C-alpha atoms as a PDB file:
ATOM      1  CA  MET A   1      42.861  28.688  11.979  1.00  0.00           C
ATOM      2  CA  ALA A   2      39.170  27.935  12.575  1.00  0.00           C
ATOM      3  CA  PHE A   3      37.563  25.474  10.179  1.00  0.00           C
ATOM      4  CA  GLY A   4      34.011  25.618  11.464  1.00  0.00           C
ATOM      5  CA  ALA A   5      32.265  24.792  14.726  1.00  0.00           C
ATOM      6  CA  GLY A   6      33.549  21.550  16.254  1.00  0.00           C
ATOM      7  CA  PHE A   7      36.238  20.933  13.607  1.00  0.00           C
ATOM      8  CA  GLU A   8      39.905  20.981  14.632  1.00  0.00           C
ATOM      9  CA  SER A   9      41.473  20.465  11.225  1.00  0.00           C
ATOM     10  CA  GLU A  10      40.839  21.105   7.563  1.00  0.00           C
ATOM     11  CA  TYR A  11      40.544  17.336   7.026  1.00  0.00           C
ATOM     12  CA  GLN A  12      37.764  17.001   9.614  1.00  0.00           C
ATOM     13  CA  TYR A  13      35.989  19.984   8.071  1.00  0.00           C
ATOM     14  CA  LEU A  14      36.220  18.609   4.520  1.00  0.00           C
ATOM     15  CA  ALA A  15      35.249  15.106   5.673  1.00  0.00           C
ATOM     16  CA  GLY A  16      32.186  16.612   7.322  1.00  0.00           C
ATOM     17  CA  MET A  17      31.313  18.424   4.105  1.00  0.00           C
ATOM     18  CA  ALA A  18      31.320  15.117   2.211  1.00  0.00           C
ATOM     19  CA  TRP A  19      28.137  14.147   4.068  1.00  0.00           C
ATOM     20  CA  TYR A  20      26.292  17.260   2.955  1.00  0.00           C
ATOM     21  CA  ASN A  21      24.988  17.502  -0.587  1.00  0.00           C
ATOM     22  CA  PRO A  22      23.505  20.957  -1.217  1.00  0.00           C
ATOM     23  CA  PHE A  23      21.761  19.676  -4.375  1.00  0.00           C
ATOM     24  CA  LYS A  24      19.975  16.758  -2.728  1.00  0.00           C
ATOM     25  CA  ARG A  25      16.259  17.304  -2.403  1.00  0.00           C
ATOM     26  CA  THR A  26      15.012  17.988   1.102  1.00  0.00           C
ATOM     27  CA  PHE A  27      11.547  17.162   2.353  1.00  0.00           C
ATOM     28  CA  THR A  28       9.144  18.958   4.655  1.00  0.00           C
ATOM     29  CA  GLN A  29       8.173  17.550   8.038  1.00  0.00           C
ATOM     30  CA  GLN A  30       4.725  16.658   6.647  1.00  0.00           C
ATOM     31  CA  GLU A  31       6.304  14.777   3.718  1.00  0.00           C
ATOM     32  CA  LEU A  32       8.570  12.855   6.110  1.00  0.00           C
ATOM     33  CA  ILE A  33       5.513  11.863   8.161  1.00  0.00           C
ATOM     34  CA  GLN A  34       3.808  10.607   5.002  1.00  0.00           C
ATOM     35  CA  PHE A  35       6.954   8.670   3.996  1.00  0.00           C
ATOM     36  CA  ARG A  36       7.034   6.973   7.412  1.00  0.00           C
ATOM     37  CA  PHE A  37       3.397   5.957   6.961  1.00  0.00           C
ATOM     38  CA  LEU A  38       3.915   4.693   3.401  1.00  0.00           C
ATOM     39  CA  SER A  39       7.023   2.723   4.352  1.00  0.00           C
ATOM     40  CA  LYS A  40       4.921   0.752   6.870  1.00  0.00           C
ATOM     41  CA  VAL A  41       2.432  -0.258   4.161  1.00  0.00           C
ATOM     42  CA  LYS A  42       3.670  -3.569   2.698  1.00  0.00           C
ATOM     43  CA  LEU A  43       2.890  -2.421  -0.823  1.00  0.00           C
ATOM     44  CA  PHE A  44       5.512   0.351  -0.515  1.00  0.00           C
ATOM     45  CA  GLY A  45       8.065  -1.302   1.790  1.00  0.00           C
ATOM     46  CA  GLY A  46      11.737  -0.845   0.936  1.00  0.00           C
ATOM     47  CA  MET A  47      11.182   2.250  -1.177  1.00  0.00           C
ATOM     48  CA  THR A  48      13.238   5.407  -0.766  1.00  0.00           C
ATOM     49  CA  ASN A  49      11.757   8.795   0.101  1.00  0.00           C
ATOM     50  CA  GLU A  50      12.616   9.916  -3.416  1.00  0.00           C
ATOM     51  CA  GLU A  51      10.620   7.032  -4.903  1.00  0.00           C
ATOM     52  CA  LEU A  52       7.687   7.641  -2.567  1.00  0.00           C
ATOM     53  CA  SER A  53       7.713  11.397  -3.206  1.00  0.00           C
ATOM     54  CA  GLY A  54       6.152  10.844  -6.620  1.00  0.00           C
ATOM     55  CA  LEU A  55       3.047   9.428  -4.920  1.00  0.00           C
ATOM     56  CA  LEU A  56       2.431  12.325  -2.551  1.00  0.00           C
ATOM     57  CA  PRO A  57       0.456  14.507  -4.975  1.00  0.00           C
ATOM     58  CA  TYR A  58      -1.911  11.561  -5.506  1.00  0.00           C
ATOM     59  CA  LEU A  59      -2.606  10.662  -1.866  1.00  0.00           C
ATOM     60  CA  PHE A  60      -6.130  11.814  -1.081  1.00  0.00           C
ATOM     61  CA  LEU A  61      -7.171  11.428   2.551  1.00  0.00           C
ATOM     62  CA  ARG A  62     -10.841  10.547   3.008  1.00  0.00           C
ATOM     63  CA  GLU A  63     -12.729  10.273   6.261  1.00  0.00           C
ATOM     64  CA  TYR A  64     -15.329   7.563   6.728  1.00  0.00           C
ATOM     65  CA  LYS A  65     -17.856   6.728   9.447  1.00  0.00           C
ATOM     66  CA  GLN A  66     -18.873   3.315  10.745  1.00  0.00           C
ATOM     67  CA  ASN A  67     -20.868   1.255   8.196  1.00  0.00           C
ATOM     68  CA  ASP A  68     -19.818   3.479   5.274  1.00  0.00           C
ATOM     69  CA  VAL A  69     -19.291   1.379   2.167  1.00  0.00           C
ATOM     70  CA  VAL A  70     -15.931   2.011   0.508  1.00  0.00           C
ATOM     71  CA  PHE A  71     -16.865  -0.139  -2.479  1.00  0.00           C
ATOM     72  CA  PHE A  72     -18.913  -3.185  -3.496  1.00  0.00           C
ATOM     73  CA  ARG A  73     -17.825  -6.358  -5.252  1.00  0.00           C
ATOM     74  CA  GLU A  74     -17.999  -5.923  -9.043  1.00  0.00           C
ATOM     75  CA  ASP A  75     -17.435  -2.136  -8.830  1.00  0.00           C
ATOM     76  CA  PRO A  76     -14.707  -0.884 -11.199  1.00  0.00           C
ATOM     77  CA  GLY A  77     -11.209  -0.940  -9.671  1.00  0.00           C
ATOM     78  CA  ALA A  78     -10.681   2.806  -9.655  1.00  0.00           C
ATOM     79  CA  ALA A  79      -8.226   3.241  -6.751  1.00  0.00           C
ATOM     80  CA  VAL A  80      -5.941   1.611  -4.197  1.00  0.00           C
ATOM     81  CA  TYR A  81      -6.729   2.304  -0.528  1.00  0.00           C
ATOM     82  CA  LEU A  82      -4.343   2.632   2.450  1.00  0.00           C
ATOM     83  CA  VAL A  83      -5.753   2.584   5.990  1.00  0.00           C
ATOM     84  CA  LYS A  84      -4.254   5.417   8.031  1.00  0.00           C
ATOM     85  CA  SER A  85      -6.508   4.872  11.045  1.00  0.00           C
ATOM     86  CA  GLY A  86      -9.556   2.804  11.882  1.00  0.00           C
ATOM     87  CA  SER A  87     -10.584  -0.507  10.373  1.00  0.00           C
ATOM     88  CA  VAL A  88     -12.493  -1.947   7.438  1.00  0.00           C
ATOM     89  CA  THR A  89     -13.925  -5.398   6.800  1.00  0.00           C
ATOM     90  CA  LEU A  90     -13.604  -7.244   3.512  1.00  0.00           C
ATOM     91  CA  SER A  91     -16.517  -9.557   2.774  1.00  0.00           C
ATOM     92  CA  LEU A  92     -18.156 -11.655   0.096  1.00  0.00           C
ATOM     93  CA  ASP A  93     -21.887 -11.797  -0.499  1.00  0.00           C
ATOM     94  CA  ILE A  94     -22.855 -15.460  -0.859  1.00  0.00           C
ATOM     95  CA  GLU A  95     -26.477 -16.422  -1.406  1.00  0.00           C
ATOM     96  CA  GLY A  96     -27.841 -13.338   0.321  1.00  0.00           C
ATOM     97  CA  ARG A  97     -25.476 -13.313   3.298  1.00  0.00           C
ATOM     98  CA  LEU A  98     -22.137 -11.636   3.904  1.00  0.00           C
ATOM     99  CA  GLU A  99     -19.111 -13.734   4.797  1.00  0.00           C
ATOM    100  CA  THR A 100     -16.306 -11.788   6.449  1.00  0.00           C
ATOM    101  CA  LEU A 101     -12.901 -12.465   4.900  1.00  0.00           C
ATOM    102  CA  THR A 102     -10.692 -10.254   7.065  1.00  0.00           C
ATOM    103  CA  THR A 103     -10.390  -6.955   8.872  1.00  0.00           C
ATOM    104  CA  ILE A 104      -7.750  -4.453   7.774  1.00  0.00           C
ATOM    105  CA  ARG A 105      -6.340  -1.866  10.170  1.00  0.00           C
ATOM    106  CA  ASN A 106      -3.621   0.817  10.262  1.00  0.00           C
ATOM    107  CA  TYR A 107      -0.970   0.466   7.540  1.00  0.00           C
ATOM    108  CA  GLY A 108      -3.043  -2.129   5.703  1.00  0.00           C
ATOM    109  CA  PHE A 109      -4.102  -1.745   2.100  1.00  0.00           C
ATOM    110  CA  PHE A 110      -6.870  -3.059  -0.122  1.00  0.00           C
ATOM    111  CA  GLY A 111      -8.198  -2.609  -3.630  1.00  0.00           C
ATOM    112  CA  GLU A 112      -4.872  -3.562  -5.194  1.00  0.00           C
ATOM    113  CA  GLU A 113      -6.665  -5.026  -8.208  1.00  0.00           C
ATOM    114  CA  ALA A 114      -6.834  -1.387  -9.351  1.00  0.00           C
ATOM    115  CA  LEU A 115      -3.136  -1.677 -10.233  1.00  0.00           C
ATOM    116  CA  LEU A 116      -4.164  -3.763 -13.234  1.00  0.00           C
ATOM    117  CA  PRO A 117      -6.219  -2.247 -16.061  1.00  0.00           C
ATOM    118  CA  GLY A 118      -9.903  -3.101 -16.390  1.00  0.00           C
ATOM    119  CA  GLN A 119     -10.238  -5.050 -13.132  1.00  0.00           C
ATOM    120  CA  LYS A 120     -13.380  -5.156 -10.998  1.00  0.00           C
ATOM    121  CA  ARG A 121     -13.550  -5.383  -7.229  1.00  0.00           C
ATOM    122  CA  ILE A 122     -13.521  -8.932  -5.916  1.00  0.00           C
ATOM    123  CA  TYR A 123     -14.988  -8.232  -2.462  1.00  0.00           C
ATOM    124  CA  ASN A 124     -17.035  -5.653  -0.542  1.00  0.00           C
ATOM    125  CA  VAL A 125     -15.371  -3.218   1.868  1.00  0.00           C
ATOM    126  CA  VAL A 126     -17.227  -1.607   4.785  1.00  0.00           C
ATOM    127  CA  VAL A 127     -15.844   0.592   7.584  1.00  0.00           C
ATOM    128  CA  THR A 128     -16.156  -1.214  10.939  1.00  0.00           C
ATOM    129  CA  SER A 129     -14.531   1.294  13.314  1.00  0.00           C
ATOM    130  CA  GLU A 130     -16.394   4.393  14.524  1.00  0.00           C
ATOM    131  CA  GLU A 131     -14.262   6.476  12.174  1.00  0.00           C
ATOM    132  CA  ALA A 132     -11.574   5.705   9.634  1.00  0.00           C
ATOM    133  CA  GLU A 133      -9.042   7.758   7.717  1.00  0.00           C
ATOM    134  CA  ILE A 134      -8.133   6.145   4.431  1.00  0.00           C
ATOM    135  CA  TYR A 135      -5.774   7.359   1.737  1.00  0.00           C
ATOM    136  CA  VAL A 136      -7.086   6.889  -1.784  1.00  0.00           C
ATOM    137  CA  ILE A 137      -4.657   6.644  -4.706  1.00  0.00           C
ATOM    138  CA  PRO A 138      -6.554   6.776  -8.012  1.00  0.00           C
ATOM    139  CA  HIS A 139      -5.717   4.107 -10.587  1.00  0.00           C
ATOM    140  CA  VAL A 140      -4.852   6.646 -13.288  1.00  0.00           C
ATOM    141  CA  ASN A 141      -2.374   8.456 -11.039  1.00  0.00           C
ATOM    142  CA  ILE A 142      -0.515   5.429  -9.724  1.00  0.00           C
ATOM    143  CA  ASN A 143      -0.256   4.012 -13.245  1.00  0.00           C
ATOM    144  CA  ASP A 144       1.002   7.350 -14.572  1.00  0.00           C
ATOM    145  CA  TYR A 145       3.689   7.391 -11.884  1.00  0.00           C
ATOM    146  CA  CYS A 146       4.610   3.781 -12.679  1.00  0.00           C
ATOM    147  CA  ASP A 147       5.102   4.797 -16.325  1.00  0.00           C
ATOM    148  CA  ARG A 148       7.432   7.626 -15.263  1.00  0.00           C
ATOM    149  CA  SER A 149       9.382   5.687 -12.627  1.00  0.00           C
ATOM    150  CA  LYS A 150      10.360   2.166 -13.642  1.00  0.00           C
ATOM    151  CA  GLY A 151      12.267   1.655 -10.363  1.00  0.00           C
ATOM    152  CA  PHE A 152       9.138   2.471  -8.365  1.00  0.00           C
ATOM    153  CA  LYS A 153       7.041   0.190 -10.568  1.00  0.00           C
ATOM    154  CA  ALA A 154       9.491  -2.715 -10.173  1.00  0.00           C
ATOM    155  CA  LYS A 155       9.493  -2.402  -6.379  1.00  0.00           C
ATOM    156  CA  LEU A 156       5.711  -1.951  -6.245  1.00  0.00           C
ATOM    157  CA  PHE A 157       5.043  -5.132  -8.198  1.00  0.00           C
ATOM    158  CA  ALA A 158       7.753  -7.073  -6.335  1.00  0.00           C
ATOM    159  CA  ASN A 159       6.037  -6.095  -3.065  1.00  0.00           C
ATOM    160  CA  LEU A 160       2.630  -7.000  -4.473  1.00  0.00           C
ATOM    161  CA  SER A 161       4.026 -10.351  -5.621  1.00  0.00           C
ATOM    162  CA  GLN A 162       5.351 -11.047  -2.127  1.00  0.00           C
ATOM    163  CA  VAL A 163       1.998 -10.128  -0.539  1.00  0.00           C
ATOM    164  CA  ARG A 164       0.185 -12.435  -2.986  1.00  0.00           C
ATOM    165  CA  THR A 165       2.651 -15.284  -2.364  1.00  0.00           C
ATOM    166  CA  ASP A 166       2.169 -14.910   1.403  1.00  0.00           C
ATOM    167  CA  PHE A 167      -1.601 -14.962   0.871  1.00  0.00           C
ATOM    168  CA  LEU A 168      -1.420 -18.107  -1.251  1.00  0.00           C
ATOM    169  CA  MET A 169       0.683 -19.807   1.417  1.00  0.00           C
ATOM    170  CA  ARG A 170      -2.037 -18.999   3.976  1.00  0.00           C
ATOM    171  CA  VAL A 171      -4.684 -20.425   1.613  1.00  0.00           C
ATOM    172  CA  PHE A 172      -2.689 -23.663   1.314  1.00  0.00           C
ATOM    173  CA  LYS A 173      -2.265 -23.861   5.083  1.00  0.00           C
ATOM    174  CA  ALA A 174      -6.005 -23.324   5.631  1.00  0.00           C
ATOM    175  CA  TYR A 175      -6.804 -25.929   2.997  1.00  0.00           C
ATOM    176  CA  ARG A 176      -4.559 -28.507   4.686  1.00  0.00           C
ATOM    177  CA  GLN A 177      -6.227 -27.799   8.027  1.00  0.00           C
ATOM    178  CA  GLU A 178      -9.742 -28.028   6.584  1.00  0.00           C
ATOM    179  CA  PHE A 179      -9.047 -30.696   3.964  1.00  0.00           C
ATOM    180  CA  GLY A 180     -12.093 -31.795   2.019  1.00  0.00           C
ATOM    181  CA  LEU A 181     -14.283 -28.715   2.403  1.00  0.00           C
ATOM    182  CA  PHE A 182     -13.617 -27.664  -1.190  1.00  0.00           C
ATOM    183  CA  GLU A 183     -11.548 -28.775  -4.131  1.00  0.00           C
ATOM    184  CA  LEU A 184      -8.426 -26.630  -4.268  1.00  0.00           C
ATOM    185  CA  LYS A 185      -7.857 -27.534  -7.920  1.00  0.00           C
ATOM    186  CA  LEU A 186     -10.932 -25.414  -8.785  1.00  0.00           C
ATOM    187  CA  ALA A 187      -8.954 -22.316  -7.795  1.00  0.00           C
ATOM    188  CA  PHE A 188      -6.250 -23.257 -10.315  1.00  0.00           C
ATOM    189  CA  ASN A 189      -8.635 -23.814 -13.211  1.00  0.00           C
ATOM    190  CA  SER A 190      -7.541 -21.186 -15.758  1.00  0.00           C
ATOM    191  CA  LYS A 191     -10.817 -21.427 -17.662  1.00  0.00           C
ATOM    192  CA  GLY A 192     -12.460 -19.121 -15.125  1.00  0.00           C
END
């Protein structure tokens, strides 16, 4: 009796069937490509395709040219940005000059203050590569999805917490190396 291609017994056939769930959602090739990209962005690391699928309708790909301003410091935090290709520079304007903070490239993200309500941008962002492709996720959409998917929200904020902890550790390391250039306790003053 034949039990299907490559199966010699009913047991092998049934065991093979256990791996196939006809009710499990399948994804298109384009969706799988987007999941691979998102999984490389630290903000979305460790999330399943099912969790990430809720973001796909809200990923808007924008193309930028060199020296395009993505946003300025003090602008409203309206979206989170994910760099698909190219690079952007984050900077602060201090007494009429710009001080570069960092450059963000593929799989990097910025504008995460938009995850919290009523936040303003804390730095300027300008495209430094000849061209850049950047996904934009509007604040209202990501927050709506967080309200509908508590598992996604928990992982998102755990990832954000880890990114912020790593950043703070780098600040402490830089402070120890450049001791005396500023008073670190000023950063911990909760009075603003």
